[in-house]
PDB file of N, CA and C in Angstrom:
ATOM      1  N   UNK A   1       5.585  18.571 -93.293  1.00  0.00           N
ATOM      2  CA  UNK A   1       5.965  17.398 -92.512  1.00  0.00           C
ATOM      3  C   UNK A   1       6.428  16.311 -93.475  1.00  0.00           C
ATOM      4  N   UNK A   2       7.565  15.725 -93.194  1.00  0.00           N
ATOM      5  CA  UNK A   2       8.083  14.667 -94.044  1.00  0.00           C
ATOM      6  C   UNK A   2       7.547  13.313 -93.585  1.00  0.00           C
ATOM      7  N   UNK A   3       7.643  12.339 -94.471  1.00  0.00           N
ATOM      8  CA  UNK A   3       7.178  11.004 -94.109  1.00  0.00           C
ATOM      9  C   UNK A   3       8.196  10.357 -93.168  1.00  0.00           C
ATOM     10  N   UNK A   4       7.742   9.433 -92.347  1.00  0.00           N
ATOM     11  CA  UNK A   4       8.647   8.763 -91.397  1.00  0.00           C
ATOM     12  C   UNK A   4       9.743   7.983 -92.129  1.00  0.00           C
ATOM     13  N   UNK A   5      10.873   7.889 -91.476  1.00  0.00           N
ATOM     14  CA  UNK A   5      12.000   7.096 -91.967  1.00  0.00           C
ATOM     15  C   UNK A   5      12.207   5.948 -90.996  1.00  0.00           C
ATOM     16  N   UNK A   6      12.451   4.752 -91.537  1.00  0.00           N
ATOM     17  CA  UNK A   6      12.677   3.580 -90.700  1.00  0.00           C
ATOM     18  C   UNK A   6      14.106   3.089 -90.911  1.00  0.00           C
ATOM     19  N   UNK A   7      14.809   2.884 -89.807  1.00  0.00           N
ATOM     20  CA  UNK A   7      16.151   2.306 -89.839  1.00  0.00           C
ATOM     21  C   UNK A   7      16.112   1.012 -89.033  1.00  0.00           C
ATOM     22  N   UNK A   8      16.680  -0.031 -89.590  1.00  0.00           N
ATOM     23  CA  UNK A   8      16.744  -1.312 -88.897  1.00  0.00           C
ATOM     24  C   UNK A   8      18.191  -1.595 -88.512  1.00  0.00           C
ATOM     25  N   UNK A   9      18.403  -1.831 -87.219  1.00  0.00           N
ATOM     26  CA  UNK A   9      19.727  -2.145 -86.688  1.00  0.00           C
ATOM     27  C   UNK A   9      19.743  -3.617 -86.262  1.00  0.00           C
ATOM     28  N   UNK A  10      20.678  -4.374 -86.800  1.00  0.00           N
ATOM     29  CA  UNK A  10      20.816  -5.784 -86.418  1.00  0.00           C
ATOM     30  C   UNK A  10      21.410  -5.863 -85.023  1.00  0.00           C
ATOM     31  N   UNK A  11      20.773  -6.638 -84.159  1.00  0.00           N
ATOM     32  CA  UNK A  11      21.277  -6.785 -82.790  1.00  0.00           C
ATOM     33  C   UNK A  11      22.636  -7.469 -82.742  1.00  0.00           C
ATOM     34  N   UNK A  12      22.971  -8.226 -83.784  1.00  0.00           N
ATOM     35  CA  UNK A  12      24.290  -8.863 -83.813  1.00  0.00           C
ATOM     36  C   UNK A  12      25.403  -7.836 -83.999  1.00  0.00           C
ATOM     37  N   UNK A  13      25.046  -6.633 -84.460  1.00  0.00           N
ATOM     38  CA  UNK A  13      26.041  -5.584 -84.696  1.00  0.00           C
ATOM     39  C   UNK A  13      25.883  -4.382 -83.782  1.00  0.00           C
ATOM     40  N   UNK A  14      24.663  -4.057 -83.397  1.00  0.00           N
ATOM     41  CA  UNK A  14      24.388  -2.825 -82.651  1.00  0.00           C
ATOM     42  C   UNK A  14      23.890  -3.128 -81.247  1.00  0.00           C
ATOM     43  N   UNK A  15      24.276  -2.274 -80.319  1.00  0.00           N
ATOM     44  CA  UNK A  15      23.937  -2.422 -78.908  1.00  0.00           C
ATOM     45  C   UNK A  15      22.657  -1.644 -78.576  1.00  0.00           C
ATOM     46  N   UNK A  16      21.727  -2.286 -77.900  1.00  0.00           N
ATOM     47  CA  UNK A  16      20.452  -1.638 -77.551  1.00  0.00           C
ATOM     48  C   UNK A  16      20.660  -0.442 -76.625  1.00  0.00           C
ATOM     49  N   UNK A  17      21.601  -0.538 -75.690  1.00  0.00           N
ATOM     50  CA  UNK A  17      21.885   0.597 -74.809  1.00  0.00           C
ATOM     51  C   UNK A  17      22.465   1.773 -75.588  1.00  0.00           C
ATOM     52  N   UNK A  18      23.286   1.476 -76.587  1.00  0.00           N
ATOM     53  CA  UNK A  18      23.845   2.535 -77.429  1.00  0.00           C
ATOM     54  C   UNK A  18      22.739   3.220 -78.225  1.00  0.00           C
ATOM     55  N   UNK A  19      21.778   2.446 -78.679  1.00  0.00           N
ATOM     56  CA  UNK A  19      20.637   3.029 -79.382  1.00  0.00           C
ATOM     57  C   UNK A  19      19.862   3.955 -78.451  1.00  0.00           C
ATOM     58  N   UNK A  20      19.626   3.524 -77.237  1.00  0.00           N
ATOM     59  CA  UNK A  20      18.900   4.354 -76.268  1.00  0.00           C
ATOM     60  C   UNK A  20      19.669   5.645 -75.966  1.00  0.00           C
ATOM     61  N   UNK A  21      20.994   5.548 -75.822  1.00  0.00           N
ATOM     62  CA  UNK A  21      21.822   6.737 -75.593  1.00  0.00           C
ATOM     63  C   UNK A  21      21.717   7.704 -76.772  1.00  0.00           C
ATOM     64  N   UNK A  22      21.703   7.166 -77.974  1.00  0.00           N
ATOM     65  CA  UNK A  22      21.616   7.994 -79.173  1.00  0.00           C
ATOM     66  C   UNK A  22      20.268   8.690 -79.271  1.00  0.00           C
ATOM     67  N   UNK A  23      19.217   7.985 -78.921  1.00  0.00           N
ATOM     68  CA  UNK A  23      17.888   8.603 -78.924  1.00  0.00           C
ATOM     69  C   UNK A  23      17.852   9.731 -77.901  1.00  0.00           C
ATOM     70  N   UNK A  24      18.428   9.511 -76.736  1.00  0.00           N
ATOM     71  CA  UNK A  24      18.499  10.580 -75.728  1.00  0.00           C
ATOM     72  C   UNK A  24      19.227  11.806 -76.281  1.00  0.00           C
ATOM     73  N   UNK A  25      20.296  11.567 -77.022  1.00  0.00           N
ATOM     74  CA  UNK A  25      21.089  12.671 -77.566  1.00  0.00           C
ATOM     75  C   UNK A  25      20.355  13.420 -78.680  1.00  0.00           C
ATOM     76  N   UNK A  26      19.488  12.744 -79.407  1.00  0.00           N
ATOM     77  CA  UNK A  26      18.818  13.334 -80.564  1.00  0.00           C
ATOM     78  C   UNK A  26      17.336  13.645 -80.349  1.00  0.00           C
ATOM     79  N   UNK A  27      16.802  13.384 -79.169  1.00  0.00           N
ATOM     80  CA  UNK A  27      15.361  13.495 -78.961  1.00  0.00           C
ATOM     81  C   UNK A  27      14.803  14.895 -79.184  1.00  0.00           C
ATOM     82  N   UNK A  28      15.615  15.921 -79.090  1.00  0.00           N
ATOM     83  CA  UNK A  28      15.132  17.285 -79.348  1.00  0.00           C
ATOM     84  C   UNK A  28      15.036  17.585 -80.845  1.00  0.00           C
ATOM     85  N   UNK A  29      15.588  16.697 -81.668  1.00  0.00           N
ATOM     86  CA  UNK A  29      15.644  16.952 -83.102  1.00  0.00           C
ATOM     87  C   UNK A  29      14.650  16.154 -83.930  1.00  0.00           C
ATOM     88  N   UNK A  30      13.989  15.160 -83.323  1.00  0.00           N
ATOM     89  CA  UNK A  30      13.031  14.324 -84.054  1.00  0.00           C
ATOM     90  C   UNK A  30      12.271  13.448 -83.064  1.00  0.00           C
ATOM     91  N   UNK A  31      11.265  12.765 -83.575  1.00  0.00           N
ATOM     92  CA  UNK A  31      10.551  11.770 -82.781  1.00  0.00           C
ATOM     93  C   UNK A  31      11.108  10.391 -83.099  1.00  0.00           C
ATOM     94  N   UNK A  32      11.210   9.536 -82.090  1.00  0.00           N
ATOM     95  CA  UNK A  32      11.778   8.204 -82.264  1.00  0.00           C
ATOM     96  C   UNK A  32      10.868   7.165 -81.619  1.00  0.00           C
ATOM     97  N   UNK A  33      10.567   6.110 -82.370  1.00  0.00           N
ATOM     98  CA  UNK A  33       9.813   4.984 -81.843  1.00  0.00           C
ATOM     99  C   UNK A  33      10.631   3.729 -82.145  1.00  0.00           C
ATOM    100  N   UNK A  34      10.874   2.925 -81.114  1.00  0.00           N
ATOM    101  CA  UNK A  34      11.681   1.711 -81.278  1.00  0.00           C
ATOM    102  C   UNK A  34      10.785   0.487 -81.148  1.00  0.00           C
ATOM    103  N   UNK A  35      10.947  -0.407 -82.095  1.00  0.00           N
ATOM    104  CA  UNK A  35      10.296  -1.720 -82.038  1.00  0.00           C
ATOM    105  C   UNK A  35      11.415  -2.761 -82.005  1.00  0.00           C
ATOM    106  N   UNK A  36      11.298  -3.706 -81.082  1.00  0.00           N
ATOM    107  CA  UNK A  36      12.354  -4.699 -80.910  1.00  0.00           C
ATOM    108  C   UNK A  36      11.840  -6.079 -81.265  1.00  0.00           C
ATOM    109  N   UNK A  37      12.632  -6.807 -82.028  1.00  0.00           N
ATOM    110  CA  UNK A  37      12.357  -8.210 -82.324  1.00  0.00           C
ATOM    111  C   UNK A  37      13.555  -9.005 -81.811  1.00  0.00           C
ATOM    112  N   UNK A  38      13.504 -10.304 -81.875  1.00  0.00           N
ATOM    113  CA  UNK A  38      14.647 -11.074 -81.381  1.00  0.00           C
ATOM    114  C   UNK A  38      15.972 -10.733 -82.075  1.00  0.00           C
ATOM    115  N   UNK A  39      15.915 -10.311 -83.351  1.00  0.00           N
ATOM    116  CA  UNK A  39      17.133 -10.074 -84.112  1.00  0.00           C
ATOM    117  C   UNK A  39      17.401  -8.624 -84.476  1.00  0.00           C
ATOM    118  N   UNK A  40      16.391  -7.758 -84.310  1.00  0.00           N
ATOM    119  CA  UNK A  40      16.528  -6.389 -84.815  1.00  0.00           C
ATOM    120  C   UNK A  40      15.980  -5.341 -83.852  1.00  0.00           C
ATOM    121  N   UNK A  41      16.519  -4.144 -84.020  1.00  0.00           N
ATOM    122  CA  UNK A  41      15.988  -2.948 -83.384  1.00  0.00           C
ATOM    123  C   UNK A  41      15.537  -2.049 -84.532  1.00  0.00           C
ATOM    124  N   UNK A  42      14.249  -1.799 -84.613  1.00  0.00           N
ATOM    125  CA  UNK A  42      13.695  -1.020 -85.724  1.00  0.00           C
ATOM    126  C   UNK A  42      13.281   0.346 -85.189  1.00  0.00           C
ATOM    127  N   UNK A  43      13.835   1.399 -85.770  1.00  0.00           N
ATOM    128  CA  UNK A  43      13.592   2.759 -85.300  1.00  0.00           C
ATOM    129  C   UNK A  43      12.831   3.532 -86.378  1.00  0.00           C
ATOM    130  N   UNK A  44      11.700   4.092 -85.987  1.00  0.00           N
ATOM    131  CA  UNK A  44      10.957   4.977 -86.872  1.00  0.00           C
ATOM    132  C   UNK A  44      11.242   6.401 -86.423  1.00  0.00           C
ATOM    133  N   UNK A  45      11.707   7.213 -87.359  1.00  0.00           N
ATOM    134  CA  UNK A  45      12.050   8.608 -87.080  1.00  0.00           C
ATOM    135  C   UNK A  45      11.003   9.495 -87.733  1.00  0.00           C
ATOM    136  N   UNK A  46      10.392  10.370 -86.924  1.00  0.00           N
ATOM    137  CA  UNK A  46       9.358  11.264 -87.430  1.00  0.00           C
ATOM    138  C   UNK A  46       9.709  12.716 -87.119  1.00  0.00           C
ATOM    139  N   UNK A  47       9.160  13.595 -87.900  1.00  0.00           N
ATOM    140  CA  UNK A  47       9.293  15.045 -87.694  1.00  0.00           C
ATOM    141  C   UNK A  47      10.729  15.497 -87.451  1.00  0.00           C
ATOM    142  N   UNK A  48      11.646  15.190 -88.371  1.00  0.00           N
ATOM    143  CA  UNK A  48      13.028  15.649 -88.180  1.00  0.00           C
ATOM    144  C   UNK A  48      13.102  17.169 -88.225  1.00  0.00           C
ATOM    145  N   UNK A  49      14.006  17.720 -87.447  1.00  0.00           N
ATOM    146  CA  UNK A  49      14.188  19.173 -87.410  1.00  0.00           C
ATOM    147  C   UNK A  49      14.569  19.657 -88.814  1.00  0.00           C
ATOM    148  N   UNK A  50      13.873  20.656 -89.329  1.00  0.00           N
ATOM    149  CA  UNK A  50      14.120  21.085 -90.710  1.00  0.00           C
ATOM    150  C   UNK A  50      15.493  21.716 -90.947  1.00  0.00           C
ATOM    151  N   UNK A  51      16.147  22.164 -89.898  1.00  0.00           N
ATOM    152  CA  UNK A  51      17.445  22.818 -90.061  1.00  0.00           C
ATOM    153  C   UNK A  51      18.631  21.860 -89.948  1.00  0.00           C
ATOM    154  N   UNK A  52      18.359  20.573 -89.755  1.00  0.00           N
ATOM    155  CA  UNK A  52      19.436  19.588 -89.628  1.00  0.00           C
ATOM    156  C   UNK A  52      19.413  18.688 -90.863  1.00  0.00           C
ATOM    157  N   UNK A  53      20.327  18.968 -91.768  1.00  0.00           N
ATOM    158  CA  UNK A  53      20.419  18.157 -92.982  1.00  0.00           C
ATOM    159  C   UNK A  53      20.935  16.761 -92.632  1.00  0.00           C
ATOM    160  N   UNK A  54      20.410  15.768 -93.306  1.00  0.00           N
ATOM    161  CA  UNK A  54      20.867  14.379 -93.129  1.00  0.00           C
ATOM    162  C   UNK A  54      20.760  13.886 -91.687  1.00  0.00           C
ATOM    163  N   UNK A  55      19.715  14.273 -90.998  1.00  0.00           N
ATOM    164  CA  UNK A  55      19.535  13.875 -89.596  1.00  0.00           C
ATOM    165  C   UNK A  55      19.593  12.360 -89.438  1.00  0.00           C
ATOM    166  N   UNK A  56      18.947  11.638 -90.333  1.00  0.00           N
ATOM    167  CA  UNK A  56      18.925  10.175 -90.233  1.00  0.00           C
ATOM    168  C   UNK A  56      20.332   9.601 -90.315  1.00  0.00           C
ATOM    169  N   UNK A  57      21.139  10.118 -91.226  1.00  0.00           N
ATOM    170  CA  UNK A  57      22.517   9.639 -91.343  1.00  0.00           C
ATOM    171  C   UNK A  57      23.331   9.959 -90.097  1.00  0.00           C
ATOM    172  N   UNK A  58      23.175  11.168 -89.601  1.00  0.00           N
ATOM    173  CA  UNK A  58      23.896  11.556 -88.379  1.00  0.00           C
ATOM    174  C   UNK A  58      23.487  10.665 -87.206  1.00  0.00           C
ATOM    175  N   UNK A  59      22.196  10.397 -87.098  1.00  0.00           N
ATOM    176  CA  UNK A  59      21.698   9.550 -86.019  1.00  0.00           C
ATOM    177  C   UNK A  59      22.285   8.134 -86.133  1.00  0.00           C
ATOM    178  N   UNK A  60      22.242   7.558 -87.317  1.00  0.00           N
ATOM    179  CA  UNK A  60      22.767   6.199 -87.506  1.00  0.00           C
ATOM    180  C   UNK A  60      24.258   6.140 -87.181  1.00  0.00           C
ATOM    181  N   UNK A  61      24.998   7.165 -87.573  1.00  0.00           N
ATOM    182  CA  UNK A  61      26.426   7.205 -87.233  1.00  0.00           C
ATOM    183  C   UNK A  61      26.640   7.308 -85.726  1.00  0.00           C
ATOM    184  N   UNK A  62      25.768   8.050 -85.053  1.00  0.00           N
ATOM    185  CA  UNK A  62      25.880   8.172 -83.594  1.00  0.00           C
ATOM    186  C   UNK A  62      25.618   6.828 -82.926  1.00  0.00           C
ATOM    187  N   UNK A  63      24.651   6.075 -83.427  1.00  0.00           N
ATOM    188  CA  UNK A  63      24.372   4.746 -82.872  1.00  0.00           C
ATOM    189  C   UNK A  63      25.594   3.847 -83.050  1.00  0.00           C
ATOM    190  N   UNK A  64      26.220   3.908 -84.213  1.00  0.00           N
ATOM    191  CA  UNK A  64      27.424   3.113 -84.450  1.00  0.00           C
ATOM    192  C   UNK A  64      28.537   3.525 -83.495  1.00  0.00           C
ATOM    193  N   UNK A  65      28.792   4.831 -83.375  1.00  0.00           N
ATOM    194  CA  UNK A  65      29.821   5.329 -82.455  1.00  0.00           C
ATOM    195  C   UNK A  65      29.536   4.884 -81.015  1.00  0.00           C
ATOM    196  N   UNK A  66      28.291   5.024 -80.589  1.00  0.00           N
ATOM    197  CA  UNK A  66      27.925   4.655 -79.216  1.00  0.00           C
ATOM    198  C   UNK A  66      28.089   3.151 -78.995  1.00  0.00           C
ATOM    199  N   UNK A  67      27.788   2.348 -80.015  1.00  0.00           N
ATOM    200  CA  UNK A  67      27.968   0.901 -79.905  1.00  0.00           C
ATOM    201  C   UNK A  67      29.445   0.565 -79.720  1.00  0.00           C
ATOM    202  N   UNK A  68      30.294   1.156 -80.541  1.00  0.00           N
ATOM    203  CA  UNK A  68      31.738   0.895 -80.437  1.00  0.00           C
ATOM    204  C   UNK A  68      32.261   1.328 -79.077  1.00  0.00           C
ATOM    205  N   UNK A  69      31.868   2.509 -78.631  1.00  0.00           N
ATOM    206  CA  UNK A  69      32.317   3.024 -77.342  1.00  0.00           C
ATOM    207  C   UNK A  69      31.855   2.131 -76.195  1.00  0.00           C
ATOM    208  N   UNK A  70      30.602   1.718 -76.228  1.00  0.00           N
ATOM    209  CA  UNK A  70      30.049   0.852 -75.179  1.00  0.00           C
ATOM    210  C   UNK A  70      30.786  -0.478 -75.132  1.00  0.00           C
ATOM    211  N   UNK A  71      31.015  -1.074 -76.280  1.00  0.00           N
ATOM    212  CA  UNK A  71      31.706  -2.372 -76.310  1.00  0.00           C
ATOM    213  C   UNK A  71      33.153  -2.251 -75.830  1.00  0.00           C
ATOM    214  N   UNK A  72      33.826  -1.190 -76.197  1.00  0.00           N
ATOM    215  CA  UNK A  72      35.206  -0.992 -75.734  1.00  0.00           C
ATOM    216  C   UNK A  72      35.255  -0.842 -74.206  1.00  0.00           C
ATOM    217  N   UNK A  73      34.318  -0.060 -73.668  1.00  0.00           N
ATOM    218  CA  UNK A  73      34.273   0.091 -72.194  1.00  0.00           C
ATOM    219  C   UNK A  73      34.006  -1.249 -71.525  1.00  0.00           C
ATOM    220  N   UNK A  74      33.090  -2.034 -72.073  1.00  0.00           N
ATOM    221  CA  UNK A  74      32.764  -3.338 -71.479  1.00  0.00           C
ATOM    222  C   UNK A  74      33.968  -4.289 -71.547  1.00  0.00           C
ATOM    223  N   UNK A  75      34.691  -4.243 -72.665  1.00  0.00           N
ATOM    224  CA  UNK A  75      35.889  -5.094 -72.793  1.00  0.00           C
ATOM    225  C   UNK A  75      36.965  -4.672 -71.801  1.00  0.00           C
ATOM    226  N   UNK A  76      37.157  -3.378 -71.635  1.00  0.00           N
ATOM    227  CA  UNK A  76      38.161  -2.886 -70.686  1.00  0.00           C
ATOM    228  C   UNK A  76      37.788  -3.255 -69.254  1.00  0.00           C
ATOM    229  N   UNK A  77      36.496  -3.169 -68.946  1.00  0.00           N
ATOM    230  CA  UNK A  77      36.039  -3.495 -67.592  1.00  0.00           C
ATOM    231  C   UNK A  77      36.202  -4.987 -67.299  1.00  0.00           C
ATOM    232  N   UNK A  78      36.119  -5.826 -68.328  1.00  0.00           N
ATOM    233  CA  UNK A  78      36.236  -7.270 -68.146  1.00  0.00           C
ATOM    234  C   UNK A  78      37.671  -7.718 -67.948  1.00  0.00           C
ATOM    235  N   UNK A  79      38.615  -6.854 -68.278  1.00  0.00           N
ATOM    236  CA  UNK A  79      40.036  -7.243 -68.167  1.00  0.00           C
ATOM    237  C   UNK A  79      40.547  -7.151 -66.765  1.00  0.00           C
TER     238      UNK A  79
END
């Protein structure tokens, strides 16, 4: 078992709904615990699947992709 990894996402850059979508997409590959503060979303990742190299990096990239996609949809809907 590996030690937990913590990733901090600034709310000024990352969308909380995108983070939730990403956790849903990755929940079979690791454990995720989210702590929220006024400025940050802090994610602790535990028990990553041993066959997925760089799971943390892939997860963080998915959160970024989901944030961009969510914001683009919201901008299009506002037009």
